[in-house]
Amino acid sequence: MESKSIILFDGVCNLCNGFVNFVITRDAKNIFQFGSLQSKKAPELLRPFNFSTNQLSTVLLIEDGKLYSQSTAALRILKKLNGAWPLLYAFIIVPKPIRDLVYDFIAKNRYRWFGRKDECMIPTPELRAKFVD
């Protein structure tokens, strides 16, 4: 059986939580599991990659033993969803520094534009199995 890809996200960010819900509803093949960067499990998952959980301004994707961040993570996630979303993977041809400049601008303003919660999202009992923490 193929191992799950893990998406780590800022659990108090409304944009990030919205993205997770967006992915869950379009993950028909049940490819992804999720965890917040604030969780106790995140440092353990990131230890092999020497990546600090202090860096909350990026979505992370752990896939096939590799860590992807920023625009590359987002595009690789979209590539595996149902519908037309995989077409957006074509943006992978845009040089990473340019893609990440746009990503970083959105990440820098995400709390101001979309707000934040006081605590991490708590999955419903039906979704609990999709979360690693």
Protein backbone atom coordinates (compact mmCIF):
# COMPACT_ATOMS: atom_id res chain seq x y z
CA MET A 1 0.00 0.00 0.00
CA GLU A 2 1.25 3.48 -0.90
CA SER A 3 2.11 5.66 2.08
CA LYS A 4 0.09 8.81 2.68
CA SER A 5 1.40 12.24 1.81
CA ILE A 6 1.34 14.53 4.85
CA ILE A 7 0.35 18.18 4.67
CA LEU A 8 1.54 20.32 7.59
CA PHE A 9 -0.07 23.73 7.97
CA ASP A 10 -0.42 26.70 10.31
CA GLY A 11 -3.30 25.48 12.47
CA VAL A 12 -4.43 28.94 13.60
CA CYS A 13 -4.51 30.49 10.12
CA ASN A 14 -7.98 30.79 8.57
CA LEU A 15 -6.55 30.65 5.04
CA CYS A 16 -4.57 27.50 5.88
CA ASN A 17 -7.58 25.83 7.50
CA GLY A 18 -9.66 26.75 4.47
CA PHE A 19 -7.01 25.18 2.22
CA VAL A 20 -7.06 21.98 4.28
CA ASN A 21 -10.87 21.79 4.03
CA PHE A 22 -10.58 22.47 0.28
CA VAL A 23 -8.12 19.57 -0.10
CA ILE A 24 -10.18 17.19 2.06
CA THR A 25 -13.27 17.65 -0.12
CA ARG A 26 -11.26 17.03 -3.32
CA ASP A 27 -9.05 14.17 -2.09
CA ALA A 28 -11.20 11.37 -3.52
CA LYS A 29 -8.27 8.91 -3.54
CA ASN A 30 -7.63 9.57 0.17
CA ILE A 31 -3.99 10.42 -0.51
CA PHE A 32 -3.43 13.03 2.17
CA GLN A 33 -3.12 13.19 5.93
CA PHE A 34 -2.90 16.49 7.78
CA GLY A 35 -1.23 17.97 10.82
CA SER A 36 -0.75 21.44 12.23
CA LEU A 37 2.73 22.87 12.56
CA GLN A 38 1.85 23.67 16.19
CA SER A 39 1.19 20.00 17.03
CA LYS A 40 3.44 17.77 19.13
CA LYS A 41 3.81 15.45 16.11
CA ALA A 42 5.16 18.11 13.70
CA PRO A 43 8.73 18.33 15.11
CA GLU A 44 8.99 14.54 14.97
CA LEU A 45 7.84 14.48 11.33
CA LEU A 46 10.21 17.31 10.36
CA ARG A 47 13.29 16.12 12.28
CA PRO A 48 14.69 14.07 9.33
CA PHE A 49 14.60 17.21 7.17
CA ASN A 50 16.19 19.58 9.75
CA PHE A 51 13.19 21.90 9.35
CA SER A 52 12.01 23.99 12.29
CA THR A 53 8.35 24.26 13.22
CA ASN A 54 9.06 27.93 13.98
CA GLN A 55 8.58 28.56 10.25
CA LEU A 56 4.78 28.80 10.24
CA SER A 57 4.51 30.86 7.05
CA THR A 58 4.51 27.90 4.69
CA VAL A 59 2.47 24.84 3.96
CA LEU A 60 4.65 21.74 3.94
CA LEU A 61 4.22 18.49 2.08
CA ILE A 62 6.01 15.30 3.07
CA GLU A 63 5.81 12.95 0.12
CA ASP A 64 7.87 9.87 -0.75
CA GLY A 65 10.50 10.74 1.89
CA LYS A 66 10.94 14.31 0.63
CA LEU A 67 9.89 17.66 2.07
CA TYR A 68 8.34 20.32 -0.15
CA SER A 69 7.45 23.85 0.95
CA GLN A 70 5.85 27.05 -0.30
CA SER A 71 4.63 27.11 -3.91
CA THR A 72 6.13 23.73 -4.75
CA ALA A 73 4.17 22.06 -1.94
CA ALA A 74 0.94 23.81 -2.95
CA LEU A 75 1.31 22.86 -6.62
CA ARG A 76 2.17 19.23 -5.81
CA ILE A 77 -0.94 19.04 -3.61
CA LEU A 78 -3.19 20.54 -6.31
CA LYS A 79 -1.76 18.06 -8.83
CA LYS A 80 -3.36 15.17 -6.90
CA LEU A 81 -6.85 16.59 -6.42
CA ASN A 82 -10.02 15.77 -8.33
CA GLY A 83 -11.37 18.09 -10.98
CA ALA A 84 -9.41 20.63 -12.99
CA TRP A 85 -7.07 21.56 -10.12
CA PRO A 86 -4.17 19.43 -11.43
CA LEU A 87 -4.00 21.79 -14.44
CA LEU A 88 -2.53 24.43 -12.12
CA TYR A 89 0.56 22.22 -11.80
CA ALA A 90 1.61 23.78 -15.13
CA PHE A 91 2.83 26.74 -13.02
CA ILE A 92 5.71 24.52 -11.89
CA ILE A 93 7.53 25.77 -15.00
CA VAL A 94 7.65 29.27 -13.49
CA PRO A 95 11.01 29.60 -11.73
CA LYS A 96 10.72 28.77 -8.02
CA PRO A 97 12.01 32.18 -6.83
CA ILE A 98 9.20 33.93 -8.73
CA ARG A 99 6.53 31.45 -7.54
CA ASP A 100 7.74 31.75 -3.96
CA LEU A 101 7.75 35.55 -4.12
CA VAL A 102 3.99 35.44 -4.79
CA TYR A 103 3.54 32.72 -2.17
CA ASP A 104 5.47 34.71 0.44
CA PHE A 105 3.42 37.86 -0.25
CA ILE A 106 0.20 35.95 0.42
CA ALA A 107 1.70 34.19 3.47
CA LYS A 108 2.91 37.49 4.92
CA ASN A 109 -0.58 38.99 4.70
CA ARG A 110 -2.71 35.91 5.46
CA TYR A 111 -3.69 36.87 9.01
CA ARG A 112 -4.61 40.41 8.00
CA TRP A 113 -6.65 39.29 4.97
CA PHE A 114 -8.20 36.06 6.30
CA GLY A 115 -7.85 36.28 10.09
CA ARG A 116 -6.65 33.75 12.61
CA LYS A 117 -8.05 31.53 15.34
CA ASP A 118 -6.97 31.45 18.96
CA GLU A 119 -6.28 27.74 18.75
CA CYS A 120 -5.72 25.03 16.17
CA MET A 121 -8.60 23.51 14.27
CA ILE A 122 -10.11 20.42 15.87
CA PRO A 123 -11.19 17.87 13.26
CA THR A 124 -14.66 16.38 13.43
CA PRO A 125 -14.85 12.73 14.53
CA GLU A 126 -15.45 11.76 10.87
CA LEU A 127 -12.23 13.49 9.77
CA ARG A 128 -10.07 12.47 12.74
CA ALA A 129 -8.44 9.57 10.84
CA LYS A 130 -7.07 12.03 8.29
CA PHE A 131 -5.00 13.86 10.92
CA VAL A 132 -1.61 12.78 12.25
CA ASP A 133 -1.74 14.74 15.53
